[in-house]
PDB file of N, CA and C in Angstrom:
ATOM      1  N   UNK A   1       2.970 -60.655  43.927  1.00  0.00           N
ATOM      2  CA  UNK A   1       3.231 -61.414  42.737  1.00  0.00           C
ATOM      3  C   UNK A   1       4.154 -60.603  41.839  1.00  0.00           C
ATOM      4  N   UNK A   2       5.212 -61.237  41.369  1.00  0.00           N
ATOM      5  CA  UNK A   2       6.135 -60.559  40.468  1.00  0.00           C
ATOM      6  C   UNK A   2       5.958 -61.081  39.064  1.00  0.00           C
ATOM      7  N   UNK A   3       6.133 -60.203  38.119  1.00  0.00           N
ATOM      8  CA  UNK A   3       6.059 -60.561  36.718  1.00  0.00           C
ATOM      9  C   UNK A   3       7.241 -59.904  36.034  1.00  0.00           C
ATOM     10  N   UNK A   4       8.028 -60.678  35.337  1.00  0.00           N
ATOM     11  CA  UNK A   4       9.202 -60.146  34.646  1.00  0.00           C
ATOM     12  C   UNK A   4       8.940 -60.164  33.148  1.00  0.00           C
ATOM     13  N   UNK A   5       8.914 -58.990  32.556  1.00  0.00           N
ATOM     14  CA  UNK A   5       8.689 -58.844  31.127  1.00  0.00           C
ATOM     15  C   UNK A   5       9.973 -58.405  30.451  1.00  0.00           C
ATOM     16  N   UNK A   6      10.141 -58.821  29.215  1.00  0.00           N
ATOM     17  CA  UNK A   6      11.289 -58.364  28.440  1.00  0.00           C
ATOM     18  C   UNK A   6      11.053 -56.916  28.008  1.00  0.00           C
ATOM     19  N   UNK A   7      12.097 -56.269  27.570  1.00  0.00           N
ATOM     20  CA  UNK A   7      11.988 -54.892  27.089  1.00  0.00           C
ATOM     21  C   UNK A   7      11.002 -54.823  25.924  1.00  0.00           C
ATOM     22  N   UNK A   8      11.046 -55.822  25.058  1.00  0.00           N
ATOM     23  CA  UNK A   8      10.140 -55.852  23.915  1.00  0.00           C
ATOM     24  C   UNK A   8       8.682 -56.008  24.366  1.00  0.00           C
ATOM     25  N   UNK A   9       8.446 -56.851  25.358  1.00  0.00           N
ATOM     26  CA  UNK A   9       7.086 -57.036  25.876  1.00  0.00           C
ATOM     27  C   UNK A   9       6.560 -55.754  26.505  1.00  0.00           C
ATOM     28  N   UNK A  10       7.413 -55.060  27.259  1.00  0.00           N
ATOM     29  CA  UNK A  10       7.007 -53.789  27.871  1.00  0.00           C
ATOM     30  C   UNK A  10       6.645 -52.784  26.785  1.00  0.00           C
ATOM     31  N   UNK A  11       7.472 -52.683  25.756  1.00  0.00           N
ATOM     32  CA  UNK A  11       7.201 -51.740  24.667  1.00  0.00           C
ATOM     33  C   UNK A  11       5.893 -52.072  23.954  1.00  0.00           C
ATOM     34  N   UNK A  12       5.626 -53.355  23.740  1.00  0.00           N
ATOM     35  CA  UNK A  12       4.391 -53.767  23.077  1.00  0.00           C
ATOM     36  C   UNK A  12       3.172 -53.435  23.936  1.00  0.00           C
ATOM     37  N   UNK A  13       3.266 -53.672  25.232  1.00  0.00           N
ATOM     38  CA  UNK A  13       2.145 -53.340  26.121  1.00  0.00           C
ATOM     39  C   UNK A  13       1.925 -51.833  26.178  1.00  0.00           C
ATOM     40  N   UNK A  14       2.997 -51.060  26.166  1.00  0.00           N
ATOM     41  CA  UNK A  14       2.854 -49.603  26.154  1.00  0.00           C
ATOM     42  C   UNK A  14       2.231 -49.136  24.836  1.00  0.00           C
ATOM     43  N   UNK A  15       2.579 -49.807  23.745  1.00  0.00           N
ATOM     44  CA  UNK A  15       1.980 -49.471  22.447  1.00  0.00           C
ATOM     45  C   UNK A  15       0.475 -49.749  22.478  1.00  0.00           C
ATOM     46  N   UNK A  16       0.104 -50.881  23.077  1.00  0.00           N
ATOM     47  CA  UNK A  16      -1.318 -51.213  23.202  1.00  0.00           C
ATOM     48  C   UNK A  16      -2.039 -50.149  24.023  1.00  0.00           C
ATOM     49  N   UNK A  17      -1.412 -49.698  25.109  1.00  0.00           N
ATOM     50  CA  UNK A  17      -2.033 -48.662  25.939  1.00  0.00           C
ATOM     51  C   UNK A  17      -2.289 -47.398  25.130  1.00  0.00           C
ATOM     52  N   UNK A  18      -1.328 -47.008  24.319  1.00  0.00           N
ATOM     53  CA  UNK A  18      -1.466 -45.770  23.550  1.00  0.00           C
ATOM     54  C   UNK A  18      -2.437 -45.933  22.385  1.00  0.00           C
ATOM     55  N   UNK A  19      -2.353 -47.048  21.701  1.00  0.00           N
ATOM     56  CA  UNK A  19      -3.167 -47.267  20.505  1.00  0.00           C
ATOM     57  C   UNK A  19      -4.613 -47.612  20.844  1.00  0.00           C
ATOM     58  N   UNK A  20      -4.817 -48.418  21.847  1.00  0.00           N
ATOM     59  CA  UNK A  20      -6.132 -48.976  22.133  1.00  0.00           C
ATOM     60  C   UNK A  20      -6.824 -48.315  23.316  1.00  0.00           C
ATOM     61  N   UNK A  21      -6.657 -47.025  23.487  1.00  0.00           N
ATOM     62  CA  UNK A  21      -7.249 -46.341  24.637  1.00  0.00           C
ATOM     63  C   UNK A  21      -8.767 -46.507  24.700  1.00  0.00           C
ATOM     64  N   UNK A  22      -9.396 -46.695  23.556  1.00  0.00           N
ATOM     65  CA  UNK A  22     -10.850 -46.787  23.558  1.00  0.00           C
ATOM     66  C   UNK A  22     -11.340 -48.232  23.580  1.00  0.00           C
ATOM     67  N   UNK A  23     -10.406 -49.157  23.642  1.00  0.00           N
ATOM     68  CA  UNK A  23     -10.739 -50.570  23.818  1.00  0.00           C
ATOM     69  C   UNK A  23     -10.412 -50.913  25.265  1.00  0.00           C
ATOM     70  N   UNK A  24     -11.357 -50.656  26.132  1.00  0.00           N
ATOM     71  CA  UNK A  24     -11.138 -50.720  27.582  1.00  0.00           C
ATOM     72  C   UNK A  24     -10.517 -52.034  28.036  1.00  0.00           C
ATOM     73  N   UNK A  25     -11.007 -53.145  27.531  1.00  0.00           N
ATOM     74  CA  UNK A  25     -10.518 -54.449  27.978  1.00  0.00           C
ATOM     75  C   UNK A  25      -9.029 -54.631  27.658  1.00  0.00           C
ATOM     76  N   UNK A  26      -8.633 -54.303  26.448  1.00  0.00           N
ATOM     77  CA  UNK A  26      -7.214 -54.436  26.055  1.00  0.00           C
ATOM     78  C   UNK A  26      -6.344 -53.451  26.830  1.00  0.00           C
ATOM     79  N   UNK A  27      -6.843 -52.229  27.012  1.00  0.00           N
ATOM     80  CA  UNK A  27      -6.106 -51.214  27.753  1.00  0.00           C
ATOM     81  C   UNK A  27      -5.867 -51.683  29.190  1.00  0.00           C
ATOM     82  N   UNK A  28      -6.905 -52.195  29.838  1.00  0.00           N
ATOM     83  CA  UNK A  28      -6.778 -52.648  31.231  1.00  0.00           C
ATOM     84  C   UNK A  28      -5.838 -53.844  31.309  1.00  0.00           C
ATOM     85  N   UNK A  29      -5.964 -54.783  30.381  1.00  0.00           N
ATOM     86  CA  UNK A  29      -5.107 -55.965  30.386  1.00  0.00           C
ATOM     87  C   UNK A  29      -3.632 -55.551  30.286  1.00  0.00           C
ATOM     88  N   UNK A  30      -3.314 -54.663  29.355  1.00  0.00           N
ATOM     89  CA  UNK A  30      -1.941 -54.191  29.198  1.00  0.00           C
ATOM     90  C   UNK A  30      -1.477 -53.451  30.451  1.00  0.00           C
ATOM     91  N   UNK A  31      -2.342 -52.632  31.012  1.00  0.00           N
ATOM     92  CA  UNK A  31      -2.002 -51.861  32.203  1.00  0.00           C
ATOM     93  C   UNK A  31      -1.750 -52.771  33.400  1.00  0.00           C
ATOM     94  N   UNK A  32      -2.589 -53.782  33.583  1.00  0.00           N
ATOM     95  CA  UNK A  32      -2.405 -54.727  34.693  1.00  0.00           C
ATOM     96  C   UNK A  32      -1.061 -55.425  34.570  1.00  0.00           C
ATOM     97  N   UNK A  33      -0.737 -55.903  33.377  1.00  0.00           N
ATOM     98  CA  UNK A  33       0.539 -56.600  33.184  1.00  0.00           C
ATOM     99  C   UNK A  33       1.727 -55.679  33.459  1.00  0.00           C
ATOM    100  N   UNK A  34       1.642 -54.441  33.008  1.00  0.00           N
ATOM    101  CA  UNK A  34       2.726 -53.489  33.276  1.00  0.00           C
ATOM    102  C   UNK A  34       2.832 -53.177  34.768  1.00  0.00           C
ATOM    103  N   UNK A  35       1.703 -53.066  35.449  1.00  0.00           N
ATOM    104  CA  UNK A  35       1.730 -52.784  36.885  1.00  0.00           C
ATOM    105  C   UNK A  35       2.313 -53.972  37.658  1.00  0.00           C
ATOM    106  N   UNK A  36       1.981 -55.189  37.243  1.00  0.00           N
ATOM    107  CA  UNK A  36       2.576 -56.374  37.869  1.00  0.00           C
ATOM    108  C   UNK A  36       4.087 -56.383  37.636  1.00  0.00           C
ATOM    109  N   UNK A  37       4.483 -56.036  36.431  1.00  0.00           N
ATOM    110  CA  UNK A  37       5.911 -55.971  36.088  1.00  0.00           C
ATOM    111  C   UNK A  37       6.641 -54.966  36.986  1.00  0.00           C
ATOM    112  N   UNK A  38       5.966 -53.901  37.351  1.00  0.00           N
ATOM    113  CA  UNK A  38       6.574 -52.871  38.204  1.00  0.00           C
ATOM    114  C   UNK A  38       6.495 -53.213  39.689  1.00  0.00           C
ATOM    115  N   UNK A  39       5.914 -54.386  40.007  1.00  0.00           N
ATOM    116  CA  UNK A  39       5.936 -54.858  41.384  1.00  0.00           C
ATOM    117  C   UNK A  39       4.710 -54.539  42.221  1.00  0.00           C
ATOM    118  N   UNK A  40       3.664 -54.008  41.608  1.00  0.00           N
ATOM    119  CA  UNK A  40       2.453 -53.718  42.380  1.00  0.00           C
ATOM    120  C   UNK A  40       1.706 -55.018  42.675  1.00  0.00           C
ATOM    121  N   UNK A  41       1.031 -55.054  43.800  1.00  0.00           N
ATOM    122  CA  UNK A  41       0.239 -56.230  44.158  1.00  0.00           C
ATOM    123  C   UNK A  41      -1.094 -56.188  43.410  1.00  0.00           C
ATOM    124  N   UNK A  42      -1.746 -57.345  43.304  1.00  0.00           N
ATOM    125  CA  UNK A  42      -3.060 -57.389  42.658  1.00  0.00           C
ATOM    126  C   UNK A  42      -4.059 -56.520  43.417  1.00  0.00           C
ATOM    127  N   UNK A  43      -3.933 -56.482  44.737  1.00  0.00           N
ATOM    128  CA  UNK A  43      -4.846 -55.650  45.534  1.00  0.00           C
ATOM    129  C   UNK A  43      -4.673 -54.175  45.190  1.00  0.00           C
ATOM    130  N   UNK A  44      -3.406 -53.730  45.069  1.00  0.00           N
ATOM    131  CA  UNK A  44      -3.146 -52.333  44.704  1.00  0.00           C
ATOM    132  C   UNK A  44      -3.655 -52.034  43.300  1.00  0.00           C
ATOM    133  N   UNK A  45      -3.469 -52.982  42.398  1.00  0.00           N
ATOM    134  CA  UNK A  45      -3.926 -52.794  41.026  1.00  0.00           C
ATOM    135  C   UNK A  45      -5.447 -52.709  40.986  1.00  0.00           C
ATOM    136  N   UNK A  46      -6.113 -53.598  41.717  1.00  0.00           N
ATOM    137  CA  UNK A  46      -7.574 -53.570  41.755  1.00  0.00           C
ATOM    138  C   UNK A  46      -8.073 -52.231  42.269  1.00  0.00           C
ATOM    139  N   UNK A  47      -7.443 -51.724  43.303  1.00  0.00           N
ATOM    140  CA  UNK A  47      -7.857 -50.434  43.862  1.00  0.00           C
ATOM    141  C   UNK A  47      -7.551 -49.299  42.890  1.00  0.00           C
ATOM    142  N   UNK A  48      -6.392 -49.337  42.269  1.00  0.00           N
ATOM    143  CA  UNK A  48      -5.988 -48.266  41.356  1.00  0.00           C
ATOM    144  C   UNK A  48      -6.878 -48.192  40.125  1.00  0.00           C
ATOM    145  N   UNK A  49      -7.275 -49.352  39.638  1.00  0.00           N
ATOM    146  CA  UNK A  49      -8.084 -49.389  38.419  1.00  0.00           C
ATOM    147  C   UNK A  49      -9.569 -49.576  38.704  1.00  0.00           C
ATOM    148  N   UNK A  50      -9.927 -49.493  39.956  1.00  0.00           N
ATOM    149  CA  UNK A  50     -11.304 -49.685  40.432  1.00  0.00           C
ATOM    150  C   UNK A  50     -11.912 -50.982  39.893  1.00  0.00           C
ATOM    151  N   UNK A  51     -11.151 -52.058  40.033  1.00  0.00           N
ATOM    152  CA  UNK A  51     -11.621 -53.395  39.687  1.00  0.00           C
ATOM    153  C   UNK A  51     -11.961 -54.094  40.989  1.00  0.00           C
ATOM    154  N   UNK A  52     -12.982 -54.933  40.985  1.00  0.00           N
ATOM    155  CA  UNK A  52     -13.340 -55.611  42.216  1.00  0.00           C
ATOM    156  C   UNK A  52     -12.946 -57.087  42.167  1.00  0.00           C
ATOM    157  N   UNK A  53     -12.993 -57.737  43.319  1.00  0.00           N
ATOM    158  CA  UNK A  53     -12.612 -59.141  43.429  1.00  0.00           C
ATOM    159  C   UNK A  53     -13.492 -60.047  42.591  1.00  0.00           C
ATOM    160  N   UNK A  54     -14.708 -59.647  42.355  1.00  0.00           N
ATOM    161  CA  UNK A  54     -15.635 -60.483  41.601  1.00  0.00           C
ATOM    162  C   UNK A  54     -15.471 -60.319  40.096  1.00  0.00           C
ATOM    163  N   UNK A  55     -14.617 -59.420  39.692  1.00  0.00           N
ATOM    164  CA  UNK A  55     -14.399 -59.170  38.279  1.00  0.00           C
ATOM    165  C   UNK A  55     -13.662 -60.359  37.671  1.00  0.00           C
ATOM    166  N   UNK A  56     -14.274 -61.016  36.701  1.00  0.00           N
ATOM    167  CA  UNK A  56     -13.660 -62.179  36.068  1.00  0.00           C
ATOM    168  C   UNK A  56     -12.361 -61.831  35.363  1.00  0.00           C
ATOM    169  N   UNK A  57     -12.237 -60.601  34.878  1.00  0.00           N
ATOM    170  CA  UNK A  57     -11.010 -60.188  34.212  1.00  0.00           C
ATOM    171  C   UNK A  57      -9.827 -60.249  35.162  1.00  0.00           C
ATOM    172  N   UNK A  58     -10.025 -59.822  36.395  1.00  0.00           N
ATOM    173  CA  UNK A  58      -8.934 -59.819  37.371  1.00  0.00           C
ATOM    174  C   UNK A  58      -8.449 -61.242  37.605  1.00  0.00           C
ATOM    175  N   UNK A  59      -9.377 -62.164  37.755  1.00  0.00           N
ATOM    176  CA  UNK A  59      -9.002 -63.563  37.973  1.00  0.00           C
ATOM    177  C   UNK A  59      -8.257 -64.111  36.757  1.00  0.00           C
ATOM    178  N   UNK A  60      -8.698 -63.747  35.570  1.00  0.00           N
ATOM    179  CA  UNK A  60      -8.029 -64.201  34.350  1.00  0.00           C
ATOM    180  C   UNK A  60      -6.626 -63.615  34.249  1.00  0.00           C
ATOM    181  N   UNK A  61      -6.467 -62.328  34.617  1.00  0.00           N
ATOM    182  CA  UNK A  61      -5.143 -61.701  34.589  1.00  0.00           C
ATOM    183  C   UNK A  61      -4.196 -62.427  35.532  1.00  0.00           C
ATOM    184  N   UNK A  62      -4.700 -62.768  36.716  1.00  0.00           N
ATOM    185  CA  UNK A  62      -3.871 -63.466  37.697  1.00  0.00           C
ATOM    186  C   UNK A  62      -3.412 -64.806  37.148  1.00  0.00           C
ATOM    187  N   UNK A  63      -4.322 -65.556  36.549  1.00  0.00           N
ATOM    188  CA  UNK A  63      -3.979 -66.864  36.004  1.00  0.00           C
ATOM    189  C   UNK A  63      -2.961 -66.731  34.866  1.00  0.00           C
ATOM    190  N   UNK A  64      -3.199 -65.790  33.976  1.00  0.00           N
ATOM    191  CA  UNK A  64      -2.283 -65.594  32.835  1.00  0.00           C
ATOM    192  C   UNK A  64      -0.916 -65.129  33.306  1.00  0.00           C
ATOM    193  N   UNK A  65      -0.906 -64.226  34.268  1.00  0.00           N
ATOM    194  CA  UNK A  65       0.369 -63.707  34.768  1.00  0.00           C
ATOM    195  C   UNK A  65       1.167 -64.834  35.441  1.00  0.00           C
ATOM    196  N   UNK A  66       0.495 -65.723  36.126  1.00  0.00           N
ATOM    197  CA  UNK A  66       1.175 -66.851  36.760  1.00  0.00           C
ATOM    198  C   UNK A  66       1.749 -67.796  35.713  1.00  0.00           C
ATOM    199  N   UNK A  67       1.121 -67.850  34.557  1.00  0.00           N
ATOM    200  CA  UNK A  67       1.575 -68.760  33.499  1.00  0.00           C
ATOM    201  C   UNK A  67       2.650 -68.170  32.605  1.00  0.00           C
ATOM    202  N   UNK A  68       2.917 -66.877  32.743  1.00  0.00           N
ATOM    203  CA  UNK A  68       3.917 -66.224  31.895  1.00  0.00           C
ATOM    204  C   UNK A  68       5.299 -66.551  32.372  1.00  0.00           C
TER     205      UNK A  68
END
């Protein structure tokens, strides 16, 4: 799955990663979107972030990324 983000969107997601390190859900959401933007598969992202297939967040990220 490919996701194309604008330069501004990438910068905003990176800002969220730096600012919200202790807000796990926001940090993971920003990280997943950036990893999709860089061309990683959902399977690779799940393994890298130790997320499982049953995780509702992963399914939500997939749906949102498809709608972007």
